[in-house]
Amino acid sequence: LNDFLTTLHISCYSLLSLTHTLESLFIPKSSITALSFIGSQQIVPGYGVMSIAKASLEATAQQMAAALVDLFYSYHMQGPKQVRVNILRALPLNTLAARGIPDFLVSEESRNDA
């Protein structure tokens, strides 16, 4: 349970926390960007709890985008600041982080062979 909570805290809640901390610095047309992974939408062997964390991150970003429109429209008389929230969802790449996923290179090679 501790690993699960830590993973969600680092991979999802940190986006909310950081956004809240930096909220006063946003200017018109600011952009908040986070990185996700295709494992949020499909099974990636060995990815485990990170699949849940990345799916949670994407859902959180969608809700943040909607909430930021309302929040900035309410607090700024000149209208919304048009803060964008973007999630980049990467496909499997042979990176240092990806090498930490058990059998990642094997599954990547089998996808390339298909």
C-alpha atoms as a PDB file:
ATOM      1  CA  LEU A   1       0.000   0.000   0.000  1.00  0.00           C
ATOM      2  CA  ASN A   2       2.834   2.425   0.784  1.00  0.00           C
ATOM      3  CA  ASP A   3       4.393   1.858  -2.652  1.00  0.00           C
ATOM      4  CA  PHE A   4       1.015   2.479  -4.278  1.00  0.00           C
ATOM      5  CA  LEU A   5       0.458   5.737  -2.382  1.00  0.00           C
ATOM      6  CA  THR A   6       4.010   6.918  -3.021  1.00  0.00           C
ATOM      7  CA  THR A   7       3.638   6.191  -6.736  1.00  0.00           C
ATOM      8  CA  LEU A   8       0.373   8.144  -6.941  1.00  0.00           C
ATOM      9  CA  HIS A   9       1.856  11.002  -4.945  1.00  0.00           C
ATOM     10  CA  ILE A  10       4.897  11.327  -7.197  1.00  0.00           C
ATOM     11  CA  SER A  11       3.247  10.605 -10.531  1.00  0.00           C
ATOM     12  CA  CYS A  12      -0.115  12.327 -10.101  1.00  0.00           C
ATOM     13  CA  TYR A  13      -0.613  14.455  -6.996  1.00  0.00           C
ATOM     14  CA  SER A  14       2.631  16.340  -7.596  1.00  0.00           C
ATOM     15  CA  LEU A  15       1.047  17.922 -10.694  1.00  0.00           C
ATOM     16  CA  LEU A  16      -1.789  19.347  -8.579  1.00  0.00           C
ATOM     17  CA  SER A  17       0.554  20.480  -5.840  1.00  0.00           C
ATOM     18  CA  LEU A  18       3.003  22.178  -8.186  1.00  0.00           C
ATOM     19  CA  THR A  19       0.206  23.850 -10.146  1.00  0.00           C
ATOM     20  CA  HIS A  20      -1.315  25.222  -6.960  1.00  0.00           C
ATOM     21  CA  THR A  21       2.075  26.495  -5.755  1.00  0.00           C
ATOM     22  CA  LEU A  22       2.802  28.274  -9.046  1.00  0.00           C
ATOM     23  CA  GLU A  23      -0.749  29.482  -9.705  1.00  0.00           C
ATOM     24  CA  SER A  24       0.032  33.144  -9.042  1.00  0.00           C
ATOM     25  CA  LEU A  25       2.784  33.088 -11.693  1.00  0.00           C
ATOM     26  CA  PHE A  26       0.552  32.036 -14.573  1.00  0.00           C
ATOM     27  CA  ILE A  27       0.224  34.593 -17.315  1.00  0.00           C
ATOM     28  CA  PRO A  28      -2.241  34.558 -20.220  1.00  0.00           C
ATOM     29  CA  LYS A  29      -1.785  31.502 -22.403  1.00  0.00           C
ATOM     30  CA  SER A  30       0.432  29.661 -19.906  1.00  0.00           C
ATOM     31  CA  SER A  31       0.793  25.938 -20.402  1.00  0.00           C
ATOM     32  CA  ILE A  32       1.063  23.115 -17.900  1.00  0.00           C
ATOM     33  CA  THR A  33       2.607  19.989 -19.394  1.00  0.00           C
ATOM     34  CA  ALA A  34       3.092  16.507 -17.981  1.00  0.00           C
ATOM     35  CA  LEU A  35       4.439  13.288 -19.442  1.00  0.00           C
ATOM     36  CA  SER A  36       2.425  10.088 -19.492  1.00  0.00           C
ATOM     37  CA  PHE A  37       2.907   6.726 -21.151  1.00  0.00           C
ATOM     38  CA  ILE A  38       0.839   4.457 -23.373  1.00  0.00           C
ATOM     39  CA  GLY A  39       0.624   2.124 -20.359  1.00  0.00           C
ATOM     40  CA  SER A  40      -2.144   4.373 -19.050  1.00  0.00           C
ATOM     41  CA  GLN A  41      -4.414   3.070 -21.822  1.00  0.00           C
ATOM     42  CA  GLN A  42      -3.225  -0.464 -22.515  1.00  0.00           C
ATOM     43  CA  ILE A  43      -1.532  -3.328 -20.737  1.00  0.00           C
ATOM     44  CA  VAL A  44       2.260  -3.096 -20.683  1.00  0.00           C
ATOM     45  CA  PRO A  45       3.778  -6.173 -19.047  1.00  0.00           C
ATOM     46  CA  GLY A  46       5.835  -5.239 -15.988  1.00  0.00           C
ATOM     47  CA  TYR A  47       4.540  -1.644 -15.803  1.00  0.00           C
ATOM     48  CA  GLY A  48       2.356  -2.475 -12.803  1.00  0.00           C
ATOM     49  CA  VAL A  49       1.089   0.322 -10.590  1.00  0.00           C
ATOM     50  CA  MET A  50       2.535   2.954 -12.922  1.00  0.00           C
ATOM     51  CA  SER A  51      -0.314   2.180 -15.344  1.00  0.00           C
ATOM     52  CA  ILE A  52      -2.778   3.252 -12.662  1.00  0.00           C
ATOM     53  CA  ALA A  53      -0.698   6.313 -11.775  1.00  0.00           C
ATOM     54  CA  LYS A  54      -0.450   7.476 -15.395  1.00  0.00           C
ATOM     55  CA  ALA A  55      -4.180   6.933 -15.976  1.00  0.00           C
ATOM     56  CA  SER A  56      -4.820   8.957 -12.819  1.00  0.00           C
ATOM     57  CA  LEU A  57      -2.459  11.683 -14.049  1.00  0.00           C
ATOM     58  CA  GLU A  58      -4.336  11.949 -17.345  1.00  0.00           C
ATOM     59  CA  ALA A  59      -7.742  12.103 -15.621  1.00  0.00           C
ATOM     60  CA  THR A  60      -6.406  14.711 -13.182  1.00  0.00           C
ATOM     61  CA  ALA A  61      -5.096  16.842 -16.049  1.00  0.00           C
ATOM     62  CA  GLN A  62      -8.501  16.759 -17.760  1.00  0.00           C
ATOM     63  CA  GLN A  63     -10.208  17.903 -14.566  1.00  0.00           C
ATOM     64  CA  MET A  64      -7.538  20.548 -13.957  1.00  0.00           C
ATOM     65  CA  ALA A  65      -8.065  21.982 -17.425  1.00  0.00           C
ATOM     66  CA  ALA A  66     -11.786  22.394 -16.772  1.00  0.00           C
ATOM     67  CA  ALA A  67     -11.246  23.755 -13.255  1.00  0.00           C
ATOM     68  CA  LEU A  68      -8.602  26.268 -14.353  1.00  0.00           C
ATOM     69  CA  VAL A  69     -11.001  27.825 -16.843  1.00  0.00           C
ATOM     70  CA  ASP A  70     -13.555  28.398 -14.069  1.00  0.00           C
ATOM     71  CA  LEU A  71     -10.950  29.436 -11.499  1.00  0.00           C
ATOM     72  CA  PHE A  72      -9.266  32.081 -13.619  1.00  0.00           C
ATOM     73  CA  TYR A  73     -12.514  33.400 -15.001  1.00  0.00           C
ATOM     74  CA  SER A  74     -13.775  33.923 -11.443  1.00  0.00           C
ATOM     75  CA  TYR A  75     -10.664  35.589 -10.024  1.00  0.00           C
ATOM     76  CA  HIS A  76      -9.569  37.796 -12.890  1.00  0.00           C
ATOM     77  CA  MET A  77     -11.962  40.511 -13.987  1.00  0.00           C
ATOM     78  CA  GLN A  78     -10.395  40.653 -17.431  1.00  0.00           C
ATOM     79  CA  GLY A  79     -11.508  37.074 -18.125  1.00  0.00           C
ATOM     80  CA  PRO A  80      -9.789  33.711 -18.165  1.00  0.00           C
ATOM     81  CA  LYS A  81      -6.027  33.432 -18.483  1.00  0.00           C
ATOM     82  CA  GLN A  82      -6.416  30.584 -20.961  1.00  0.00           C
ATOM     83  CA  VAL A  83      -4.094  28.224 -19.125  1.00  0.00           C
ATOM     84  CA  ARG A  84      -3.663  25.036 -21.139  1.00  0.00           C
ATOM     85  CA  VAL A  85      -3.069  21.628 -19.583  1.00  0.00           C
ATOM     86  CA  ASN A  86      -1.340  19.170 -21.896  1.00  0.00           C
ATOM     87  CA  ILE A  87      -0.366  15.556 -21.395  1.00  0.00           C
ATOM     88  CA  LEU A  88       2.200  14.040 -23.718  1.00  0.00           C
ATOM     89  CA  ARG A  89       1.599  10.299 -23.932  1.00  0.00           C
ATOM     90  CA  ALA A  90       4.745   8.585 -25.154  1.00  0.00           C
ATOM     91  CA  LEU A  91       4.983   5.255 -26.898  1.00  0.00           C
ATOM     92  CA  PRO A  92       7.511   2.731 -25.610  1.00  0.00           C
ATOM     93  CA  LEU A  93      11.040   4.027 -26.137  1.00  0.00           C
ATOM     94  CA  ASN A  94      14.327   2.471 -25.164  1.00  0.00           C
ATOM     95  CA  THR A  95      15.205   4.921 -22.372  1.00  0.00           C
ATOM     96  CA  LEU A  96      16.912   4.543 -19.022  1.00  0.00           C
ATOM     97  CA  ALA A  97      13.527   4.695 -17.255  1.00  0.00           C
ATOM     98  CA  ALA A  98      12.025   2.112 -19.618  1.00  0.00           C
ATOM     99  CA  ARG A  99      14.878  -0.295 -18.909  1.00  0.00           C
ATOM    100  CA  GLY A 100      13.572  -0.458 -15.342  1.00  0.00           C
ATOM    101  CA  ILE A 101      10.438  -2.218 -16.620  1.00  0.00           C
ATOM    102  CA  PRO A 102      10.992  -5.988 -16.478  1.00  0.00           C
ATOM    103  CA  ASP A 103      11.148  -7.545 -19.965  1.00  0.00           C
ATOM    104  CA  PHE A 104      10.639  -4.151 -21.602  1.00  0.00           C
ATOM    105  CA  LEU A 105      13.282  -4.704 -24.247  1.00  0.00           C
ATOM    106  CA  VAL A 106      11.895  -8.140 -25.033  1.00  0.00           C
ATOM    107  CA  SER A 107       8.352  -6.806 -25.471  1.00  0.00           C
ATOM    108  CA  GLU A 108       9.638  -3.856 -27.527  1.00  0.00           C
ATOM    109  CA  GLU A 109      11.519  -6.197 -29.869  1.00  0.00           C
ATOM    110  CA  SER A 110       8.454  -8.406 -30.303  1.00  0.00           C
ATOM    111  CA  ARG A 111       6.380  -5.323 -31.229  1.00  0.00           C
ATOM    112  CA  ASN A 112       8.999  -4.285 -33.768  1.00  0.00           C
ATOM    113  CA  ASP A 113       8.981  -7.769 -35.308  1.00  0.00           C
ATOM    114  CA  ALA A 114       5.205  -7.720 -35.805  1.00  0.00           C
END
